[in-house]
């Protein structure tokens, strides 16, 4: 049981890393502030669905990772 949970934890951590790396970076500096305002004004609907999906996927994988970490720590400590 412990080995299976550790394998699932590794898979969840790799998925979390991939989800974070797939998210687009936030624009920085003055040019980012200007273009970010233009995107907000005129809308950026194409990538918004993907950004929303990746954001929710990241939150879900983070929750799974956190819970699995606690469960694996409990099993290791009790063994």
PDB file of N, CA and C in Angstrom:
ATOM      1  N   UNK A   1       0.824  -1.190   0.000  1.00  0.00           N
ATOM      2  CA  UNK A   1       0.000   0.000   0.000  1.00  0.00           C
ATOM      3  C   UNK A   1       0.871   1.258   0.000  1.00  0.00           C
ATOM      4  N   UNK A   2       1.930   1.223   0.805  1.00  0.00           N
ATOM      5  CA  UNK A   2       2.815   2.385   0.893  1.00  0.00           C
ATOM      6  C   UNK A   2       3.513   2.660  -0.433  1.00  0.00           C
ATOM      7  N   UNK A   3       3.946   1.611  -1.104  1.00  0.00           N
ATOM      8  CA  UNK A   3       4.643   1.777  -2.387  1.00  0.00           C
ATOM      9  C   UNK A   3       3.694   2.332  -3.441  1.00  0.00           C
ATOM     10  N   UNK A   4       2.461   1.854  -3.449  1.00  0.00           N
ATOM     11  CA  UNK A   4       1.476   2.357  -4.417  1.00  0.00           C
ATOM     12  C   UNK A   4       1.206   3.841  -4.187  1.00  0.00           C
ATOM     13  N   UNK A   5       1.092   4.252  -2.929  1.00  0.00           N
ATOM     14  CA  UNK A   5       0.867   5.666  -2.629  1.00  0.00           C
ATOM     15  C   UNK A   5       2.062   6.524  -3.030  1.00  0.00           C
ATOM     16  N   UNK A   6       3.267   5.994  -2.841  1.00  0.00           N
ATOM     17  CA  UNK A   6       4.458   6.743  -3.245  1.00  0.00           C
ATOM     18  C   UNK A   6       4.518   6.904  -4.762  1.00  0.00           C
ATOM     19  N   UNK A   7       4.125   5.875  -5.499  1.00  0.00           N
ATOM     20  CA  UNK A   7       4.113   5.961  -6.955  1.00  0.00           C
ATOM     21  C   UNK A   7       3.090   6.994  -7.413  1.00  0.00           C
ATOM     22  N   UNK A   8       1.903   6.981  -6.795  1.00  0.00           N
ATOM     23  CA  UNK A   8       0.884   7.968  -7.137  1.00  0.00           C
ATOM     24  C   UNK A   8       1.359   9.374  -6.777  1.00  0.00           C
ATOM     25  N   UNK A   9       2.085   9.513  -5.675  1.00  0.00           N
ATOM     26  CA  UNK A   9       2.624  10.809  -5.263  1.00  0.00           C
ATOM     27  C   UNK A   9       3.638  11.327  -6.282  1.00  0.00           C
ATOM     28  N   UNK A  10       4.485  10.457  -6.795  1.00  0.00           N
ATOM     29  CA  UNK A  10       5.463  10.866  -7.813  1.00  0.00           C
ATOM     30  C   UNK A  10       4.753  11.288  -9.096  1.00  0.00           C
ATOM     31  N   UNK A  11       3.725  10.540  -9.481  1.00  0.00           N
ATOM     32  CA  UNK A  11       2.964  10.896 -10.688  1.00  0.00           C
ATOM     33  C   UNK A  11       2.266  12.238 -10.501  1.00  0.00           C
ATOM     34  N   UNK A  12       1.679  12.452  -9.314  1.00  0.00           N
ATOM     35  CA  UNK A  12       1.012  13.730  -9.041  1.00  0.00           C
ATOM     36  C   UNK A  12       2.013  14.880  -9.043  1.00  0.00           C
ATOM     37  N   UNK A  13       3.210  14.652  -8.510  1.00  0.00           N
ATOM     38  CA  UNK A  13       4.208  15.721  -8.490  1.00  0.00           C
ATOM     39  C   UNK A  13       4.696  16.050  -9.906  1.00  0.00           C
ATOM     40  N   UNK A  14       4.876  15.053 -10.740  1.00  0.00           N
ATOM     41  CA  UNK A  14       5.275  15.304 -12.126  1.00  0.00           C
ATOM     42  C   UNK A  14       4.167  16.035 -12.887  1.00  0.00           C
ATOM     43  N   UNK A  15       2.920  15.654 -12.633  1.00  0.00           N
ATOM     44  CA  UNK A  15       1.798  16.351 -13.255  1.00  0.00           C
ATOM     45  C   UNK A  15       1.711  17.792 -12.808  1.00  0.00           C
ATOM     46  N   UNK A  16       1.973  18.036 -11.519  1.00  0.00           N
ATOM     47  CA  UNK A  16       1.956  19.399 -10.991  1.00  0.00           C
ATOM     48  C   UNK A  16       3.063  20.237 -11.617  1.00  0.00           C
ATOM     49  N   UNK A  17       4.236  19.667 -11.754  1.00  0.00           N
ATOM     50  CA  UNK A  17       5.350  20.379 -12.395  1.00  0.00           C
ATOM     51  C   UNK A  17       5.007  20.724 -13.839  1.00  0.00           C
ATOM     52  N   UNK A  18       4.439  19.761 -14.563  1.00  0.00           N
ATOM     53  CA  UNK A  18       4.069  20.003 -15.960  1.00  0.00           C
ATOM     54  C   UNK A  18       2.989  21.070 -16.075  1.00  0.00           C
ATOM     55  N   UNK A  19       1.992  21.035 -15.190  1.00  0.00           N
ATOM     56  CA  UNK A  19       0.910  22.026 -15.243  1.00  0.00           C
ATOM     57  C   UNK A  19       1.427  23.423 -14.962  1.00  0.00           C
ATOM     58  N   UNK A  20       2.351  23.551 -14.023  1.00  0.00           N
ATOM     59  CA  UNK A  20       2.915  24.869 -13.715  1.00  0.00           C
ATOM     60  C   UNK A  20       3.763  25.376 -14.879  1.00  0.00           C
ATOM     61  N   UNK A  21       4.549  24.497 -15.484  1.00  0.00           N
ATOM     62  CA  UNK A  21       5.408  24.927 -16.590  1.00  0.00           C
ATOM     63  C   UNK A  21       4.622  25.251 -17.859  1.00  0.00           C
ATOM     64  N   UNK A  22       3.434  24.679 -18.024  1.00  0.00           N
ATOM     65  CA  UNK A  22       2.633  24.957 -19.209  1.00  0.00           C
ATOM     66  C   UNK A  22       1.888  26.279 -19.128  1.00  0.00           C
ATOM     67  N   UNK A  23       1.770  26.844 -17.943  1.00  0.00           N
ATOM     68  CA  UNK A  23       1.052  28.105 -17.801  1.00  0.00           C
ATOM     69  C   UNK A  23       1.873  29.241 -18.381  1.00  0.00           C
ATOM     70  N   UNK A  24       1.188  30.168 -19.059  1.00  0.00           N
ATOM     71  CA  UNK A  24       1.920  31.312 -19.624  1.00  0.00           C
ATOM     72  C   UNK A  24       2.403  32.238 -18.528  1.00  0.00           C
ATOM     73  N   UNK A  25       3.558  32.856 -18.753  1.00  0.00           N
ATOM     74  CA  UNK A  25       4.107  33.784 -17.783  1.00  0.00           C
ATOM     75  C   UNK A  25       3.364  35.104 -17.804  1.00  0.00           C
ATOM     76  N   UNK A  26       3.399  35.778 -16.690  1.00  0.00           N
ATOM     77  CA  UNK A  26       2.781  37.098 -16.609  1.00  0.00           C
ATOM     78  C   UNK A  26       3.755  38.124 -17.175  1.00  0.00           C
ATOM     79  N   UNK A  27       3.234  39.072 -17.926  1.00  0.00           N
ATOM     80  CA  UNK A  27       4.075  40.116 -18.503  1.00  0.00           C
ATOM     81  C   UNK A  27       4.582  41.023 -17.390  1.00  0.00           C
ATOM     82  N   UNK A  28       5.827  41.446 -17.523  1.00  0.00           N
ATOM     83  CA  UNK A  28       6.418  42.296 -16.495  1.00  0.00           C
ATOM     84  C   UNK A  28       6.906  43.588 -17.128  1.00  0.00           C
ATOM     85  N   UNK A  29       7.034  44.585 -16.327  1.00  0.00           N
ATOM     86  CA  UNK A  29       7.555  45.854 -16.801  1.00  0.00           C
ATOM     87  C   UNK A  29       6.476  46.733 -17.415  1.00  0.00           C
ATOM     88  N   UNK A  30       6.916  47.849 -17.985  1.00  0.00           N
ATOM     89  CA  UNK A  30       5.992  48.825 -18.552  1.00  0.00           C
ATOM     90  C   UNK A  30       5.282  48.265 -19.784  1.00  0.00           C
ATOM     91  N   UNK A  31       5.993  47.535 -20.621  1.00  0.00           N
ATOM     92  CA  UNK A  31       5.359  46.984 -21.822  1.00  0.00           C
ATOM     93  C   UNK A  31       4.294  45.963 -21.439  1.00  0.00           C
ATOM     94  N   UNK A  32       4.526  45.225 -20.380  1.00  0.00           N
ATOM     95  CA  UNK A  32       3.525  44.264 -19.926  1.00  0.00           C
ATOM     96  C   UNK A  32       2.302  44.956 -19.367  1.00  0.00           C
ATOM     97  N   UNK A  33       2.498  46.072 -18.714  1.00  0.00           N
ATOM     98  CA  UNK A  33       1.361  46.816 -18.167  1.00  0.00           C
ATOM     99  C   UNK A  33       0.508  47.396 -19.285  1.00  0.00           C
ATOM    100  N   UNK A  34       1.150  47.875 -20.347  1.00  0.00           N
ATOM    101  CA  UNK A  34       0.401  48.447 -21.466  1.00  0.00           C
ATOM    102  C   UNK A  34      -0.327  47.354 -22.236  1.00  0.00           C
ATOM    103  N   UNK A  35       0.364  46.283 -22.579  1.00  0.00           N
ATOM    104  CA  UNK A  35      -0.278  45.220 -23.356  1.00  0.00           C
ATOM    105  C   UNK A  35      -1.297  44.470 -22.512  1.00  0.00           C
ATOM    106  N   UNK A  36      -1.041  44.349 -21.214  1.00  0.00           N
ATOM    107  CA  UNK A  36      -2.006  43.686 -20.341  1.00  0.00           C
ATOM    108  C   UNK A  36      -3.299  44.478 -20.263  1.00  0.00           C
ATOM    109  N   UNK A  37      -3.181  45.797 -20.246  1.00  0.00           N
ATOM    110  CA  UNK A  37      -4.371  46.635 -20.239  1.00  0.00           C
ATOM    111  C   UNK A  37      -5.144  46.526 -21.538  1.00  0.00           C
ATOM    112  N   UNK A  38      -4.423  46.442 -22.655  1.00  0.00           N
ATOM    113  CA  UNK A  38      -5.081  46.305 -23.945  1.00  0.00           C
ATOM    114  C   UNK A  38      -5.790  44.953 -24.042  1.00  0.00           C
ATOM    115  N   UNK A  39      -5.165  43.909 -23.531  1.00  0.00           N
ATOM    116  CA  UNK A  39      -5.807  42.599 -23.561  1.00  0.00           C
ATOM    117  C   UNK A  39      -7.047  42.593 -22.683  1.00  0.00           C
ATOM    118  N   UNK A  40      -6.987  43.294 -21.572  1.00  0.00           N
ATOM    119  CA  UNK A  40      -8.144  43.365 -20.684  1.00  0.00           C
ATOM    120  C   UNK A  40      -9.273  44.156 -21.338  1.00  0.00           C
ATOM    121  N   UNK A  41      -8.915  45.232 -22.059  1.00  0.00           N
ATOM    122  CA  UNK A  41      -9.915  46.082 -22.694  1.00  0.00           C
ATOM    123  C   UNK A  41     -10.573  45.375 -23.882  1.00  0.00           C
ATOM    124  N   UNK A  42      -9.767  44.788 -24.754  1.00  0.00           N
ATOM    125  CA  UNK A  42     -10.296  44.186 -25.973  1.00  0.00           C
ATOM    126  C   UNK A  42     -10.624  42.700 -25.817  1.00  0.00           C
ATOM    127  N   UNK A  43     -10.183  42.104 -24.751  1.00  0.00           N
ATOM    128  CA  UNK A  43     -10.495  40.699 -24.506  1.00  0.00           C
ATOM    129  C   UNK A  43      -9.452  39.776 -25.098  1.00  0.00           C
ATOM    130  N   UNK A  44      -9.253  38.696 -24.423  1.00  0.00           N
ATOM    131  CA  UNK A  44      -8.306  37.671 -24.883  1.00  0.00           C
ATOM    132  C   UNK A  44      -8.995  36.335 -24.650  1.00  0.00           C
ATOM    133  N   UNK A  45      -9.951  36.022 -25.494  1.00  0.00           N
ATOM    134  CA  UNK A  45     -10.824  34.885 -25.243  1.00  0.00           C
ATOM    135  C   UNK A  45     -10.235  33.549 -25.686  1.00  0.00           C
ATOM    136  N   UNK A  46      -9.362  33.546 -26.684  1.00  0.00           N
ATOM    137  CA  UNK A  46      -8.846  32.278 -27.193  1.00  0.00           C
ATOM    138  C   UNK A  46      -8.064  31.514 -26.139  1.00  0.00           C
ATOM    139  N   UNK A  47      -7.122  32.169 -25.520  1.00  0.00           N
ATOM    140  CA  UNK A  47      -6.263  31.491 -24.555  1.00  0.00           C
ATOM    141  C   UNK A  47      -6.878  31.464 -23.164  1.00  0.00           C
ATOM    142  N   UNK A  48      -7.940  32.187 -22.933  1.00  0.00           N
ATOM    143  CA  UNK A  48      -8.531  32.259 -21.596  1.00  0.00           C
ATOM    144  C   UNK A  48      -9.051  30.900 -21.153  1.00  0.00           C
ATOM    145  N   UNK A  49      -9.652  30.140 -22.049  1.00  0.00           N
ATOM    146  CA  UNK A  49     -10.152  28.818 -21.688  1.00  0.00           C
ATOM    147  C   UNK A  49      -9.032  27.883 -21.269  1.00  0.00           C
ATOM    148  N   UNK A  50      -7.930  27.924 -21.996  1.00  0.00           N
ATOM    149  CA  UNK A  50      -6.781  27.094 -21.662  1.00  0.00           C
ATOM    150  C   UNK A  50      -6.142  27.545 -20.352  1.00  0.00           C
ATOM    151  N   UNK A  51      -6.041  28.857 -20.148  1.00  0.00           N
ATOM    152  CA  UNK A  51      -5.472  29.371 -18.899  1.00  0.00           C
ATOM    153  C   UNK A  51      -6.330  28.976 -17.709  1.00  0.00           C
ATOM    154  N   UNK A  52      -7.645  29.040 -17.874  1.00  0.00           N
ATOM    155  CA  UNK A  52      -8.553  28.660 -16.797  1.00  0.00           C
ATOM    156  C   UNK A  52      -8.429  27.171 -16.496  1.00  0.00           C
ATOM    157  N   UNK A  53      -8.351  26.361 -17.541  1.00  0.00           N
ATOM    158  CA  UNK A  53      -8.191  24.921 -17.346  1.00  0.00           C
ATOM    159  C   UNK A  53      -6.883  24.600 -16.638  1.00  0.00           C
ATOM    160  N   UNK A  54      -5.789  25.218 -17.073  1.00  0.00           N
ATOM    161  CA  UNK A  54      -4.492  24.960 -16.445  1.00  0.00           C
ATOM    162  C   UNK A  54      -4.465  25.450 -15.007  1.00  0.00           C
ATOM    163  N   UNK A  55      -5.128  26.548 -14.736  1.00  0.00           N
ATOM    164  CA  UNK A  55      -5.190  27.060 -13.370  1.00  0.00           C
ATOM    165  C   UNK A  55      -5.944  26.087 -12.461  1.00  0.00           C
ATOM    166  N   UNK A  56      -7.077  25.603 -12.919  1.00  0.00           N
ATOM    167  CA  UNK A  56      -7.860  24.644 -12.125  1.00  0.00           C
ATOM    168  C   UNK A  56      -7.136  23.313 -11.991  1.00  0.00           C
ATOM    169  N   UNK A  57      -6.462  22.884 -13.055  1.00  0.00           N
ATOM    170  CA  UNK A  57      -5.695  21.643 -12.993  1.00  0.00           C
ATOM    171  C   UNK A  57      -4.558  21.761 -11.982  1.00  0.00           C
ATOM    172  N   UNK A  58      -3.896  22.902 -11.959  1.00  0.00           N
ATOM    173  CA  UNK A  58      -2.816  23.133 -11.010  1.00  0.00           C
ATOM    174  C   UNK A  58      -3.332  23.104  -9.574  1.00  0.00           C
ATOM    175  N   UNK A  59      -4.470  23.753  -9.342  1.00  0.00           N
ATOM    176  CA  UNK A  59      -5.034  23.740  -7.991  1.00  0.00           C
ATOM    177  C   UNK A  59      -5.441  22.330  -7.567  1.00  0.00           C
ATOM    178  N   UNK A  60      -6.024  21.586  -8.475  1.00  0.00           N
ATOM    179  CA  UNK A  60      -6.425  20.219  -8.163  1.00  0.00           C
ATOM    180  C   UNK A  60      -5.231  19.313  -7.886  1.00  0.00           C
ATOM    181  N   UNK A  61      -4.215  19.408  -8.725  1.00  0.00           N
ATOM    182  CA  UNK A  61      -3.016  18.591  -8.524  1.00  0.00           C
ATOM    183  C   UNK A  61      -2.271  18.991  -7.255  1.00  0.00           C
ATOM    184  N   UNK A  62      -2.289  20.273  -6.927  1.00  0.00           N
ATOM    185  CA  UNK A  62      -1.651  20.718  -5.686  1.00  0.00           C
ATOM    186  C   UNK A  62      -2.373  20.148  -4.473  1.00  0.00           C
ATOM    187  N   UNK A  63      -3.701  20.120  -4.527  1.00  0.00           N
ATOM    188  CA  UNK A  63      -4.475  19.544  -3.421  1.00  0.00           C
ATOM    189  C   UNK A  63      -4.207  18.048  -3.294  1.00  0.00           C
ATOM    190  N   UNK A  64      -4.173  17.343  -4.423  1.00  0.00           N
ATOM    191  CA  UNK A  64      -3.881  15.902  -4.411  1.00  0.00           C
ATOM    192  C   UNK A  64      -2.487  15.654  -3.869  1.00  0.00           C
ATOM    193  N   UNK A  65      -1.521  16.463  -4.294  1.00  0.00           N
ATOM    194  CA  UNK A  65      -0.146  16.316  -3.830  1.00  0.00           C
ATOM    195  C   UNK A  65      -0.056  16.536  -2.322  1.00  0.00           C
ATOM    196  N   UNK A  66      -0.724  17.562  -1.828  1.00  0.00           N
ATOM    197  CA  UNK A  66      -0.691  17.869  -0.407  1.00  0.00           C
ATOM    198  C   UNK A  66      -1.307  16.734   0.420  1.00  0.00           C
ATOM    199  N   UNK A  67      -2.465  16.267   0.005  1.00  0.00           N
ATOM    200  CA  UNK A  67      -3.146  15.193   0.739  1.00  0.00           C
ATOM    201  C   UNK A  67      -2.341  13.904   0.685  1.00  0.00           C
ATOM    202  N   UNK A  68      -1.823  13.557  -0.492  1.00  0.00           N
ATOM    203  CA  UNK A  68      -1.010  12.341  -0.608  1.00  0.00           C
ATOM    204  C   UNK A  68       0.267  12.433   0.219  1.00  0.00           C
ATOM    205  N   UNK A  69       0.850  13.617   0.289  1.00  0.00           N
ATOM    206  CA  UNK A  69       2.053  13.788   1.111  1.00  0.00           C
ATOM    207  C   UNK A  69       1.750  13.504   2.571  1.00  0.00           C
ATOM    208  N   UNK A  70       0.618  13.997   3.056  1.00  0.00           N
ATOM    209  CA  UNK A  70       0.235  13.732   4.438  1.00  0.00           C
ATOM    210  C   UNK A  70      -0.053  12.251   4.681  1.00  0.00           C
ATOM    211  N   UNK A  71      -0.736  11.613   3.734  1.00  0.00           N
ATOM    212  CA  UNK A  71      -1.061  10.191   3.889  1.00  0.00           C
ATOM    213  C   UNK A  71       0.198   9.343   3.872  1.00  0.00           C
ATOM    214  N   UNK A  72       1.120   9.623   2.956  1.00  0.00           N
ATOM    215  CA  UNK A  72       2.367   8.860   2.885  1.00  0.00           C
ATOM    216  C   UNK A  72       3.182   9.098   4.148  1.00  0.00           C
ATOM    217  N   UNK A  73       3.230  10.306   4.641  1.00  0.00           N
ATOM    218  CA  UNK A  73       3.966  10.580   5.883  1.00  0.00           C
ATOM    219  C   UNK A  73       3.359   9.823   7.049  1.00  0.00           C
ATOM    220  N   UNK A  74       2.039   9.716   7.089  1.00  0.00           N
ATOM    221  CA  UNK A  74       1.367   8.965   8.150  1.00  0.00           C
ATOM    222  C   UNK A  74       1.735   7.485   8.069  1.00  0.00           C
ATOM    223  N   UNK A  75       1.717   6.923   6.859  1.00  0.00           N
ATOM    224  CA  UNK A  75       2.051   5.508   6.694  1.00  0.00           C
ATOM    225  C   UNK A  75       3.515   5.229   7.023  1.00  0.00           C
ATOM    226  N   UNK A  76       4.403   6.132   6.664  1.00  0.00           N
ATOM    227  CA  UNK A  76       5.830   5.926   6.948  1.00  0.00           C
ATOM    228  C   UNK A  76       6.077   6.015   8.451  1.00  0.00           C
ATOM    229  N   UNK A  77       5.410   6.945   9.114  1.00  0.00           N
ATOM    230  CA  UNK A  77       5.616   7.110  10.550  1.00  0.00           C
ATOM    231  C   UNK A  77       5.034   5.933  11.334  1.00  0.00           C
ATOM    232  N   UNK A  78       3.911   5.380  10.885  1.00  0.00           N
ATOM    233  CA  UNK A  78       3.278   4.284  11.600  1.00  0.00           C
ATOM    234  C   UNK A  78       3.988   2.952  11.346  1.00  0.00           C
ATOM    235  N   UNK A  79       4.783   2.870  10.302  1.00  0.00           N
ATOM    236  CA  UNK A  79       5.460   1.604   9.982  1.00  0.00           C
ATOM    237  C   UNK A  79       6.721   1.390  10.788  1.00  0.00           C
TER     238      UNK A  79
END
